[in-house]
């Protein structure tokens, strides 16, 4: 309705349902989707854009868990990813191990977004090997989580684990955010 006032928050933490069907609005109909409209068969970026929209302009931070495919799928999702990268909204991408969540064995990722960043670099962490094998699902221990947190805080390159990629590297890689493309296949100085 016309009296709706959106809520803007300091932080958003989200683990939405993966690749859910949805009914998207027409382009330009909903200001939350100014970067593009997620496809009908995969609402992943709709959830991401909804949360990002509700961040405060002065330093709002969002962490969202999504299926690994959002890092490299093309078409509408590629368009949205490119727009967010060009704005500098994507701060960090953390690739998680497969089979760590109930009800799905697919690999997932945590994407950290920030409002009004002053640069467009992205820090990549490949935590896909940071788990202990469990009977029914893999387990991330406190030590695994601590290693990820220490890397995140330092934003330093770590061989086959973490890399701070310049915006130029990301453009050169056609806006693909697959963590392995940056942490394993790039020569680090």
N, C-alpha and C. Protein backbone atom coordinates (compact mmCIF):
# COMPACT_ATOMS: atom_id res chain seq x y z
N UNK A 1 0.84 -1.18 0.00
CA UNK A 1 0.00 0.00 0.00
C UNK A 1 0.88 1.24 0.00
N UNK A 2 0.30 2.38 -0.20
CA UNK A 2 1.04 3.63 -0.36
C UNK A 2 1.71 4.11 0.92
N UNK A 3 1.32 3.60 2.08
CA UNK A 3 1.91 4.04 3.35
C UNK A 3 3.08 3.16 3.78
N UNK A 4 3.44 2.16 2.98
CA UNK A 4 4.52 1.25 3.34
C UNK A 4 5.84 1.98 3.45
N UNK A 5 6.51 1.83 4.59
CA UNK A 5 7.84 2.38 4.80
C UNK A 5 8.79 1.22 4.99
N UNK A 6 9.75 1.02 4.06
CA UNK A 6 10.66 -0.12 4.22
C UNK A 6 11.54 0.02 5.46
N UNK A 7 11.84 -1.12 6.06
CA UNK A 7 12.72 -1.20 7.21
C UNK A 7 14.15 -1.35 6.71
N UNK A 8 15.06 -0.56 7.21
CA UNK A 8 16.46 -0.68 6.86
C UNK A 8 17.25 -1.07 8.10
N UNK A 9 18.10 -2.09 7.95
CA UNK A 9 18.77 -2.70 9.10
C UNK A 9 20.29 -2.69 8.92
N UNK A 10 20.99 -2.89 10.04
CA UNK A 10 22.45 -2.95 10.02
C UNK A 10 22.96 -4.25 9.41
N UNK A 11 22.23 -5.35 9.65
CA UNK A 11 22.72 -6.65 9.20
C UNK A 11 21.56 -7.57 8.81
N UNK A 12 21.84 -8.42 7.83
CA UNK A 12 20.90 -9.45 7.41
C UNK A 12 21.68 -10.77 7.34
N UNK A 13 21.14 -11.81 7.95
CA UNK A 13 21.69 -13.16 7.85
C UNK A 13 20.57 -14.02 7.28
N UNK A 14 20.87 -14.75 6.19
CA UNK A 14 19.81 -15.45 5.50
C UNK A 14 20.26 -16.81 4.99
N UNK A 15 19.40 -17.80 5.15
CA UNK A 15 19.60 -19.14 4.59
C UNK A 15 18.27 -19.54 3.95
N UNK A 16 17.95 -18.93 2.79
CA UNK A 16 16.65 -19.19 2.16
C UNK A 16 16.60 -20.57 1.51
N UNK A 17 15.40 -21.01 1.13
CA UNK A 17 15.29 -22.27 0.40
C UNK A 17 16.01 -22.14 -0.95
N UNK A 18 16.71 -23.19 -1.34
CA UNK A 18 17.54 -23.13 -2.55
C UNK A 18 16.73 -23.38 -3.81
N UNK A 19 17.02 -22.56 -4.82
CA UNK A 19 16.48 -22.72 -6.18
C UNK A 19 14.97 -22.95 -6.18
N UNK A 20 14.28 -22.17 -5.38
CA UNK A 20 12.83 -22.25 -5.27
C UNK A 20 12.17 -21.56 -6.46
N UNK A 21 11.02 -22.07 -6.90
CA UNK A 21 10.23 -21.39 -7.91
C UNK A 21 9.59 -20.16 -7.28
N UNK A 22 9.35 -19.13 -8.10
CA UNK A 22 8.67 -17.94 -7.60
C UNK A 22 8.00 -17.23 -8.76
N UNK A 23 7.15 -16.27 -8.43
CA UNK A 23 6.48 -15.45 -9.44
C UNK A 23 7.12 -14.06 -9.44
N UNK A 24 8.04 -13.81 -10.37
CA UNK A 24 8.74 -12.52 -10.37
C UNK A 24 7.85 -11.38 -10.84
N UNK A 25 8.15 -10.18 -10.35
CA UNK A 25 7.42 -9.00 -10.84
C UNK A 25 7.92 -8.62 -12.23
N UNK A 26 7.20 -7.75 -12.86
CA UNK A 26 7.66 -7.19 -14.14
C UNK A 26 8.87 -6.29 -13.86
N UNK A 27 9.82 -6.20 -14.81
CA UNK A 27 10.96 -5.30 -14.61
C UNK A 27 10.49 -3.87 -14.30
N UNK A 28 11.12 -3.26 -13.30
CA UNK A 28 10.79 -1.90 -12.90
C UNK A 28 9.61 -1.79 -11.96
N UNK A 29 8.95 -2.90 -11.68
CA UNK A 29 7.75 -2.90 -10.84
C UNK A 29 8.08 -2.92 -9.35
N UNK A 30 9.25 -3.43 -8.97
CA UNK A 30 9.61 -3.60 -7.56
C UNK A 30 11.05 -3.08 -7.37
N UNK A 31 11.21 -2.05 -6.57
CA UNK A 31 12.53 -1.42 -6.42
C UNK A 31 13.57 -2.33 -5.78
N UNK A 32 13.15 -3.40 -5.12
CA UNK A 32 14.12 -4.34 -4.56
C UNK A 32 14.94 -5.02 -5.64
N UNK A 33 14.40 -5.08 -6.84
CA UNK A 33 15.04 -5.82 -7.92
C UNK A 33 15.61 -4.90 -8.99
N UNK A 34 16.20 -3.79 -8.56
CA UNK A 34 16.79 -2.84 -9.51
C UNK A 34 17.98 -3.42 -10.26
N UNK A 35 18.61 -4.47 -9.73
CA UNK A 35 19.77 -5.08 -10.39
C UNK A 35 19.38 -6.17 -11.37
N UNK A 36 18.12 -6.54 -11.38
CA UNK A 36 17.63 -7.55 -12.29
C UNK A 36 16.61 -8.46 -11.61
N UNK A 37 15.98 -9.30 -12.42
CA UNK A 37 14.95 -10.20 -11.94
C UNK A 37 15.47 -11.63 -12.01
N UNK A 38 15.44 -12.32 -10.88
CA UNK A 38 15.85 -13.73 -10.83
C UNK A 38 14.89 -14.57 -11.66
N UNK A 39 15.38 -15.66 -12.26
CA UNK A 39 14.50 -16.50 -13.07
C UNK A 39 13.40 -17.17 -12.24
N UNK A 40 12.28 -17.49 -12.90
CA UNK A 40 11.14 -18.12 -12.23
C UNK A 40 11.51 -19.41 -11.51
N UNK A 41 12.46 -20.15 -12.07
CA UNK A 41 12.80 -21.46 -11.52
C UNK A 41 13.88 -21.41 -10.45
N UNK A 42 14.45 -20.22 -10.19
CA UNK A 42 15.52 -20.10 -9.20
C UNK A 42 15.43 -18.73 -8.52
N UNK A 43 14.81 -18.69 -7.37
CA UNK A 43 14.61 -17.43 -6.65
C UNK A 43 15.81 -17.01 -5.81
N UNK A 44 16.95 -17.70 -5.96
CA UNK A 44 18.11 -17.43 -5.11
C UNK A 44 18.48 -15.95 -5.09
N UNK A 45 18.61 -15.33 -6.25
CA UNK A 45 18.98 -13.92 -6.30
C UNK A 45 17.83 -13.02 -5.85
N UNK A 46 16.59 -13.48 -5.92
CA UNK A 46 15.47 -12.69 -5.40
C UNK A 46 15.62 -12.54 -3.88
N UNK A 47 15.96 -13.65 -3.20
CA UNK A 47 16.19 -13.58 -1.76
C UNK A 47 17.38 -12.67 -1.45
N UNK A 48 18.46 -12.80 -2.22
CA UNK A 48 19.65 -11.99 -2.00
C UNK A 48 19.31 -10.51 -2.18
N UNK A 49 18.63 -10.16 -3.27
CA UNK A 49 18.32 -8.76 -3.54
C UNK A 49 17.34 -8.18 -2.52
N UNK A 50 16.42 -9.00 -2.05
CA UNK A 50 15.48 -8.55 -1.02
C UNK A 50 16.25 -8.15 0.25
N UNK A 51 17.15 -9.02 0.70
CA UNK A 51 17.94 -8.70 1.89
C UNK A 51 18.84 -7.50 1.68
N UNK A 52 19.49 -7.45 0.52
CA UNK A 52 20.41 -6.35 0.23
C UNK A 52 19.68 -5.01 0.21
N UNK A 53 18.48 -5.00 -0.35
CA UNK A 53 17.68 -3.78 -0.39
C UNK A 53 17.44 -3.22 1.01
N UNK A 54 17.23 -4.11 1.98
CA UNK A 54 16.88 -3.68 3.33
C UNK A 54 18.07 -3.32 4.21
N UNK A 55 19.28 -3.33 3.65
CA UNK A 55 20.46 -2.89 4.43
C UNK A 55 20.52 -1.37 4.49
N UNK A 56 20.97 -0.87 5.64
CA UNK A 56 21.22 0.57 5.76
C UNK A 56 22.32 0.98 4.80
N UNK A 57 22.18 2.17 4.26
CA UNK A 57 23.16 2.68 3.29
C UNK A 57 24.53 2.89 3.91
N UNK A 58 24.58 3.20 5.19
CA UNK A 58 25.86 3.50 5.84
C UNK A 58 26.42 2.27 6.55
N UNK A 59 26.88 1.31 5.77
CA UNK A 59 27.59 0.18 6.35
C UNK A 59 26.80 -1.07 6.62
N UNK A 60 25.62 -1.23 6.06
CA UNK A 60 24.86 -2.45 6.24
C UNK A 60 25.60 -3.65 5.68
N UNK A 61 25.52 -4.79 6.37
CA UNK A 61 26.23 -6.01 5.98
C UNK A 61 25.24 -7.17 5.90
N UNK A 62 25.41 -8.00 4.89
CA UNK A 62 24.54 -9.17 4.70
C UNK A 62 25.38 -10.40 4.46
N UNK A 63 25.00 -11.52 5.08
CA UNK A 63 25.59 -12.83 4.80
C UNK A 63 24.44 -13.75 4.41
N UNK A 64 24.57 -14.39 3.24
CA UNK A 64 23.51 -15.26 2.74
C UNK A 64 24.11 -16.57 2.26
N UNK A 65 23.48 -17.68 2.63
CA UNK A 65 23.90 -19.01 2.20
C UNK A 65 23.05 -19.38 0.98
N UNK A 66 23.72 -19.71 -0.12
CA UNK A 66 23.03 -20.05 -1.36
C UNK A 66 23.71 -21.25 -2.02
N UNK A 67 23.03 -21.87 -2.99
CA UNK A 67 23.68 -22.96 -3.72
C UNK A 67 24.84 -22.42 -4.55
N UNK A 68 25.85 -23.24 -4.71
CA UNK A 68 27.08 -22.88 -5.39
C UNK A 68 26.84 -22.30 -6.78
N UNK A 69 25.78 -22.74 -7.46
CA UNK A 69 25.50 -22.31 -8.82
C UNK A 69 25.33 -20.81 -8.99
N UNK A 70 24.93 -20.08 -7.94
CA UNK A 70 24.75 -18.63 -8.07
C UNK A 70 26.07 -17.93 -8.40
N UNK A 71 27.18 -18.61 -8.17
CA UNK A 71 28.49 -18.00 -8.41
C UNK A 71 28.85 -17.94 -9.89
N UNK A 72 28.21 -18.78 -10.71
CA UNK A 72 28.63 -18.84 -12.11
C UNK A 72 27.50 -19.00 -13.12
N UNK A 73 26.27 -19.26 -12.69
CA UNK A 73 25.20 -19.42 -13.68
C UNK A 73 25.03 -18.12 -14.46
N UNK A 74 24.62 -18.25 -15.72
CA UNK A 74 24.52 -17.10 -16.61
C UNK A 74 23.13 -16.50 -16.68
N UNK A 75 22.85 -15.89 -17.83
CA UNK A 75 21.57 -15.25 -18.13
C UNK A 75 21.20 -14.22 -17.07
N UNK A 76 19.98 -14.25 -16.55
CA UNK A 76 19.52 -13.24 -15.59
C UNK A 76 20.40 -13.21 -14.35
N UNK A 77 20.81 -14.38 -13.87
CA UNK A 77 21.65 -14.42 -12.68
C UNK A 77 23.03 -13.80 -12.95
N UNK A 78 23.57 -14.04 -14.12
CA UNK A 78 24.84 -13.42 -14.50
C UNK A 78 24.74 -11.91 -14.57
N UNK A 79 23.61 -11.42 -15.06
CA UNK A 79 23.37 -9.97 -15.15
C UNK A 79 23.32 -9.35 -13.76
N UNK A 80 22.61 -10.01 -12.85
CA UNK A 80 22.51 -9.50 -11.47
C UNK A 80 23.88 -9.51 -10.80
N UNK A 81 24.59 -10.63 -10.94
CA UNK A 81 25.92 -10.76 -10.33
C UNK A 81 26.85 -9.65 -10.84
N UNK A 82 26.85 -9.42 -12.15
CA UNK A 82 27.69 -8.38 -12.74
C UNK A 82 27.35 -7.00 -12.17
N UNK A 83 26.07 -6.69 -12.07
CA UNK A 83 25.65 -5.38 -11.54
C UNK A 83 26.10 -5.20 -10.09
N UNK A 84 25.94 -6.25 -9.29
CA UNK A 84 26.37 -6.16 -7.89
C UNK A 84 27.88 -6.00 -7.78
N UNK A 85 28.62 -6.71 -8.63
CA UNK A 85 30.08 -6.59 -8.63
C UNK A 85 30.53 -5.21 -9.08
N UNK A 86 29.89 -4.67 -10.10
CA UNK A 86 30.26 -3.34 -10.59
C UNK A 86 30.01 -2.28 -9.53
N UNK A 87 28.99 -2.48 -8.71
CA UNK A 87 28.71 -1.54 -7.62
C UNK A 87 29.66 -1.74 -6.44
N UNK A 88 30.32 -2.90 -6.36
CA UNK A 88 31.18 -3.19 -5.22
C UNK A 88 30.43 -3.80 -4.06
N UNK A 89 29.22 -4.28 -4.30
CA UNK A 89 28.37 -4.80 -3.23
C UNK A 89 28.88 -6.12 -2.67
N UNK A 90 29.51 -6.95 -3.50
CA UNK A 90 29.96 -8.27 -3.03
C UNK A 90 31.35 -8.13 -2.43
N UNK A 91 31.45 -8.40 -1.15
CA UNK A 91 32.68 -8.24 -0.39
C UNK A 91 33.48 -9.54 -0.31
N UNK A 92 32.80 -10.65 -0.01
CA UNK A 92 33.48 -11.93 0.23
C UNK A 92 32.61 -13.07 -0.27
N UNK A 93 33.28 -14.10 -0.81
CA UNK A 93 32.61 -15.33 -1.23
C UNK A 93 33.32 -16.48 -0.54
N UNK A 94 32.56 -17.28 0.21
CA UNK A 94 33.13 -18.41 0.93
C UNK A 94 32.49 -19.69 0.39
N UNK A 95 33.29 -20.52 -0.25
CA UNK A 95 32.81 -21.81 -0.76
C UNK A 95 32.79 -22.82 0.37
N UNK A 96 31.64 -23.40 0.65
CA UNK A 96 31.48 -24.36 1.75
C UNK A 96 31.55 -25.80 1.24
N UNK A 97 31.78 -26.75 2.14
CA UNK A 97 31.80 -28.16 1.74
C UNK A 97 30.42 -28.65 1.30
N UNK A 98 30.41 -29.70 0.50
CA UNK A 98 29.16 -30.37 0.15
C UNK A 98 28.64 -31.13 1.39
N UNK A 99 27.36 -31.36 1.41
CA UNK A 99 26.74 -32.23 2.41
C UNK A 99 26.93 -31.77 3.87
N UNK A 100 26.81 -30.46 4.10
CA UNK A 100 26.88 -29.98 5.50
C UNK A 100 25.52 -29.52 6.03
N UNK A 101 24.52 -29.48 5.16
CA UNK A 101 23.18 -29.09 5.60
C UNK A 101 22.24 -30.28 5.50
N UNK A 102 21.27 -30.36 6.43
CA UNK A 102 20.24 -31.39 6.35
C UNK A 102 19.44 -31.19 5.07
N UNK A 103 18.98 -32.24 4.50
CA UNK A 103 18.08 -32.24 3.34
C UNK A 103 18.73 -31.89 2.01
N UNK A 104 20.02 -31.62 1.97
CA UNK A 104 20.68 -31.39 0.68
C UNK A 104 22.14 -31.75 0.79
N UNK A 105 22.66 -32.34 -0.26
CA UNK A 105 24.09 -32.68 -0.27
C UNK A 105 24.88 -31.74 -1.17
N UNK A 106 24.20 -30.79 -1.80
CA UNK A 106 24.89 -29.90 -2.75
C UNK A 106 25.87 -28.97 -2.05
N UNK A 107 26.94 -28.58 -2.74
CA UNK A 107 27.83 -27.58 -2.15
C UNK A 107 27.13 -26.21 -2.10
N UNK A 108 27.46 -25.46 -1.10
CA UNK A 108 26.84 -24.15 -0.91
C UNK A 108 27.92 -23.09 -0.75
N UNK A 109 27.47 -21.85 -0.71
CA UNK A 109 28.39 -20.73 -0.56
C UNK A 109 27.78 -19.70 0.38
N UNK A 110 28.64 -18.98 1.07
CA UNK A 110 28.20 -17.82 1.84
C UNK A 110 28.70 -16.60 1.07
N UNK A 111 27.78 -15.71 0.73
CA UNK A 111 28.14 -14.47 0.06
C UNK A 111 27.93 -13.35 1.06
N UNK A 112 28.96 -12.53 1.25
CA UNK A 112 28.87 -11.39 2.16
C UNK A 112 28.82 -10.13 1.30
N UNK A 113 27.77 -9.37 1.51
CA UNK A 113 27.57 -8.12 0.77
C UNK A 113 27.61 -6.95 1.74
N UNK A 114 28.08 -5.82 1.26
CA UNK A 114 28.14 -4.61 2.08
C UNK A 114 27.65 -3.43 1.26
N UNK A 115 26.91 -2.56 1.91
CA UNK A 115 26.44 -1.34 1.26
C UNK A 115 27.54 -0.28 1.29
N UNK A 116 27.63 0.46 0.21
CA UNK A 116 28.53 1.62 0.09
C UNK A 116 30.00 1.31 0.36
N UNK A 117 30.49 0.20 -0.21
CA UNK A 117 31.93 -0.08 -0.14
C UNK A 117 32.66 0.92 -1.01
N UNK A 118 33.91 1.17 -0.68
CA UNK A 118 34.71 2.13 -1.46
C UNK A 118 35.54 1.46 -2.54
N UNK A 119 35.54 0.12 -2.60
CA UNK A 119 36.28 -0.57 -3.67
C UNK A 119 35.46 -1.74 -4.17
N UNK A 120 35.98 -2.42 -5.20
CA UNK A 120 35.23 -3.50 -5.83
C UNK A 120 35.99 -4.83 -5.82
N UNK A 121 37.00 -4.95 -4.96
CA UNK A 121 37.69 -6.24 -4.85
C UNK A 121 36.77 -7.24 -4.13
N UNK A 122 37.06 -8.52 -4.28
CA UNK A 122 36.28 -9.57 -3.61
C UNK A 122 37.28 -10.54 -3.00
N UNK A 123 37.03 -10.89 -1.74
CA UNK A 123 37.87 -11.85 -1.05
C UNK A 123 37.23 -13.22 -1.18
N UNK A 124 38.00 -14.18 -1.68
CA UNK A 124 37.52 -15.54 -1.90
C UNK A 124 38.16 -16.49 -0.89
N UNK A 125 37.33 -17.32 -0.27
CA UNK A 125 37.80 -18.36 0.64
C UNK A 125 37.23 -19.69 0.14
N UNK A 126 38.11 -20.64 -0.12
CA UNK A 126 37.67 -21.97 -0.52
C UNK A 126 37.73 -22.88 0.70
N UNK A 127 36.61 -22.97 1.39
CA UNK A 127 36.51 -23.81 2.59
C UNK A 127 35.88 -25.16 2.27
N UNK A 128 35.88 -25.54 1.00
CA UNK A 128 35.21 -26.78 0.59
C UNK A 128 35.85 -28.04 1.16
N UNK A 129 37.10 -27.94 1.62
CA UNK A 129 37.78 -29.10 2.21
C UNK A 129 37.83 -29.02 3.74
N UNK A 130 37.19 -28.02 4.30
CA UNK A 130 37.21 -27.78 5.75
C UNK A 130 36.04 -28.51 6.42
N UNK A 131 36.15 -29.81 6.55
CA UNK A 131 35.10 -30.59 7.21
C UNK A 131 35.66 -31.92 7.68
N UNK A 132 34.94 -32.53 8.59
CA UNK A 132 35.18 -33.91 9.00
C UNK A 132 34.04 -34.72 8.41
N UNK A 133 34.36 -35.88 7.90
CA UNK A 133 33.36 -36.77 7.30
C UNK A 133 32.48 -37.32 8.41
N UNK A 134 31.17 -37.15 8.25
CA UNK A 134 30.22 -37.70 9.20
C UNK A 134 29.49 -38.89 8.58
N UNK A 135 28.72 -39.59 9.39
CA UNK A 135 28.00 -40.76 8.89
C UNK A 135 26.97 -40.38 7.83
N UNK A 136 26.12 -39.40 8.14
CA UNK A 136 25.08 -38.98 7.21
C UNK A 136 25.34 -37.63 6.56
N UNK A 137 26.18 -36.82 7.18
CA UNK A 137 26.53 -35.53 6.60
C UNK A 137 27.87 -35.08 7.14
N UNK A 138 28.50 -34.18 6.39
CA UNK A 138 29.80 -33.68 6.80
C UNK A 138 29.63 -32.66 7.92
N UNK A 139 30.70 -32.48 8.70
CA UNK A 139 30.64 -31.61 9.87
C UNK A 139 31.78 -30.60 9.82
N UNK A 140 31.46 -29.34 10.03
CA UNK A 140 32.48 -28.31 10.17
C UNK A 140 32.71 -28.11 11.66
N UNK A 141 33.94 -28.31 12.09
CA UNK A 141 34.28 -28.18 13.51
C UNK A 141 34.58 -26.72 13.84
N UNK A 142 34.74 -26.44 15.12
CA UNK A 142 35.12 -25.09 15.55
C UNK A 142 36.45 -24.69 14.91
N UNK A 143 37.38 -25.63 14.76
CA UNK A 143 38.69 -25.33 14.14
C UNK A 143 38.52 -24.92 12.68
N UNK A 144 37.64 -25.59 11.96
CA UNK A 144 37.38 -25.23 10.56
C UNK A 144 36.79 -23.82 10.47
N UNK A 145 35.83 -23.55 11.34
CA UNK A 145 35.17 -22.24 11.34
C UNK A 145 36.17 -21.15 11.73
N UNK A 146 37.03 -21.43 12.70
CA UNK A 146 38.04 -20.45 13.13
C UNK A 146 39.01 -20.13 11.99
N UNK A 147 39.41 -21.14 11.22
CA UNK A 147 40.31 -20.91 10.08
C UNK A 147 39.65 -19.97 9.06
N UNK A 148 38.36 -20.17 8.80
CA UNK A 148 37.63 -19.30 7.87
C UNK A 148 37.56 -17.88 8.43
N UNK A 149 37.22 -17.76 9.71
CA UNK A 149 37.11 -16.43 10.34
C UNK A 149 38.44 -15.68 10.33
N UNK A 150 39.52 -16.39 10.62
CA UNK A 150 40.83 -15.73 10.62
C UNK A 150 41.20 -15.24 9.22
N UNK A 151 40.91 -16.05 8.21
CA UNK A 151 41.17 -15.62 6.83
C UNK A 151 40.30 -14.41 6.50
N UNK A 152 39.03 -14.47 6.85
CA UNK A 152 38.11 -13.36 6.56
C UNK A 152 38.59 -12.07 7.19
N UNK A 153 39.03 -12.14 8.43
CA UNK A 153 39.51 -10.94 9.13
C UNK A 153 40.79 -10.39 8.51
N UNK A 154 41.67 -11.27 8.05
CA UNK A 154 42.97 -10.82 7.52
C UNK A 154 42.89 -10.33 6.08
N UNK A 155 42.00 -10.92 5.28
CA UNK A 155 41.87 -10.63 3.84
C UNK A 155 43.22 -10.81 3.12
N UNK A 156 44.02 -11.76 3.62
CA UNK A 156 45.32 -12.04 3.00
C UNK A 156 45.23 -13.29 2.15
N UNK A 157 46.10 -13.36 1.13
CA UNK A 157 46.18 -14.55 0.30
C UNK A 157 46.74 -15.71 1.12
N UNK A 158 46.15 -16.89 0.93
CA UNK A 158 46.60 -18.11 1.58
C UNK A 158 46.55 -19.20 0.51
N UNK A 159 47.66 -19.85 0.26
CA UNK A 159 47.78 -20.81 -0.83
C UNK A 159 46.65 -21.83 -0.84
N UNK A 160 45.97 -21.92 -1.96
CA UNK A 160 44.87 -22.87 -2.18
C UNK A 160 43.74 -22.74 -1.16
N UNK A 161 43.64 -21.59 -0.51
CA UNK A 161 42.58 -21.38 0.46
C UNK A 161 41.90 -20.02 0.32
N UNK A 162 42.67 -18.96 0.13
CA UNK A 162 42.07 -17.63 0.09
C UNK A 162 42.83 -16.71 -0.85
N UNK A 163 42.08 -15.80 -1.48
CA UNK A 163 42.69 -14.83 -2.39
C UNK A 163 41.84 -13.57 -2.46
N UNK A 164 42.50 -12.41 -2.37
CA UNK A 164 41.82 -11.13 -2.55
C UNK A 164 41.96 -10.77 -4.03
N UNK A 165 40.86 -10.87 -4.75
CA UNK A 165 40.87 -10.62 -6.19
C UNK A 165 40.49 -9.18 -6.50
N UNK A 166 41.24 -8.57 -7.38
CA UNK A 166 40.91 -7.23 -7.83
C UNK A 166 39.68 -7.29 -8.74
N UNK A 167 39.04 -6.16 -8.91
CA UNK A 167 37.89 -6.10 -9.81
C UNK A 167 38.32 -6.49 -11.23
N UNK A 168 39.52 -6.11 -11.61
CA UNK A 168 40.03 -6.44 -12.94
C UNK A 168 40.15 -7.96 -13.13
N UNK A 169 40.57 -8.67 -12.10
CA UNK A 169 40.63 -10.14 -12.17
C UNK A 169 39.24 -10.73 -12.38
N UNK A 170 38.27 -10.17 -11.70
CA UNK A 170 36.90 -10.67 -11.78
C UNK A 170 36.34 -10.42 -13.18
N UNK A 171 36.59 -9.24 -13.73
CA UNK A 171 36.14 -8.93 -15.09
C UNK A 171 36.81 -9.88 -16.08
N UNK A 172 38.12 -10.10 -15.89
CA UNK A 172 38.88 -11.01 -16.75
C UNK A 172 38.29 -12.42 -16.70
N UNK A 173 37.71 -12.78 -15.58
CA UNK A 173 37.10 -14.10 -15.39
C UNK A 173 35.60 -14.07 -15.72
N UNK A 174 35.17 -13.05 -16.46
CA UNK A 174 33.79 -12.90 -16.94
C UNK A 174 32.76 -12.91 -15.80
N UNK A 175 33.11 -12.30 -14.68
CA UNK A 175 32.22 -12.13 -13.52
C UNK A 175 31.84 -13.46 -12.87
N UNK A 176 32.58 -14.51 -13.17
CA UNK A 176 32.39 -15.81 -12.54
C UNK A 176 33.00 -15.74 -11.14
N UNK A 177 32.26 -16.17 -10.13
CA UNK A 177 32.74 -16.08 -8.75
C UNK A 177 33.06 -17.44 -8.13
N UNK A 178 33.26 -18.46 -8.95
CA UNK A 178 33.63 -19.77 -8.45
C UNK A 178 34.93 -19.65 -7.66
N UNK A 179 34.91 -19.96 -6.38
CA UNK A 179 36.06 -19.73 -5.50
C UNK A 179 37.33 -20.40 -6.00
N UNK A 180 37.22 -21.60 -6.53
CA UNK A 180 38.40 -22.34 -6.98
C UNK A 180 39.12 -21.59 -8.11
N UNK A 181 38.37 -20.85 -8.92
CA UNK A 181 38.99 -20.07 -10.00
C UNK A 181 39.97 -19.03 -9.47
N UNK A 182 39.79 -18.62 -8.23
CA UNK A 182 40.65 -17.59 -7.66
C UNK A 182 41.64 -18.15 -6.65
N UNK A 183 41.23 -19.15 -5.89
CA UNK A 183 42.11 -19.66 -4.83
C UNK A 183 43.08 -20.73 -5.30
N UNK A 184 42.73 -21.47 -6.34
CA UNK A 184 43.59 -22.59 -6.79
C UNK A 184 44.24 -22.36 -8.15
N UNK A 185 43.56 -21.66 -9.04
CA UNK A 185 44.05 -21.57 -10.40
C UNK A 185 44.82 -20.31 -10.72
N UNK A 186 44.84 -19.37 -9.80
CA UNK A 186 45.55 -18.11 -10.01
C UNK A 186 46.94 -18.19 -9.40
N UNK A 187 47.89 -17.59 -10.08
CA UNK A 187 49.24 -17.50 -9.50
C UNK A 187 49.25 -16.34 -8.52
N UNK A 188 49.59 -16.61 -7.28
CA UNK A 188 49.61 -15.57 -6.25
C UNK A 188 51.04 -15.11 -6.02
N UNK A 189 51.15 -13.82 -5.85
CA UNK A 189 52.49 -13.25 -5.60
C UNK A 189 52.85 -13.36 -4.14
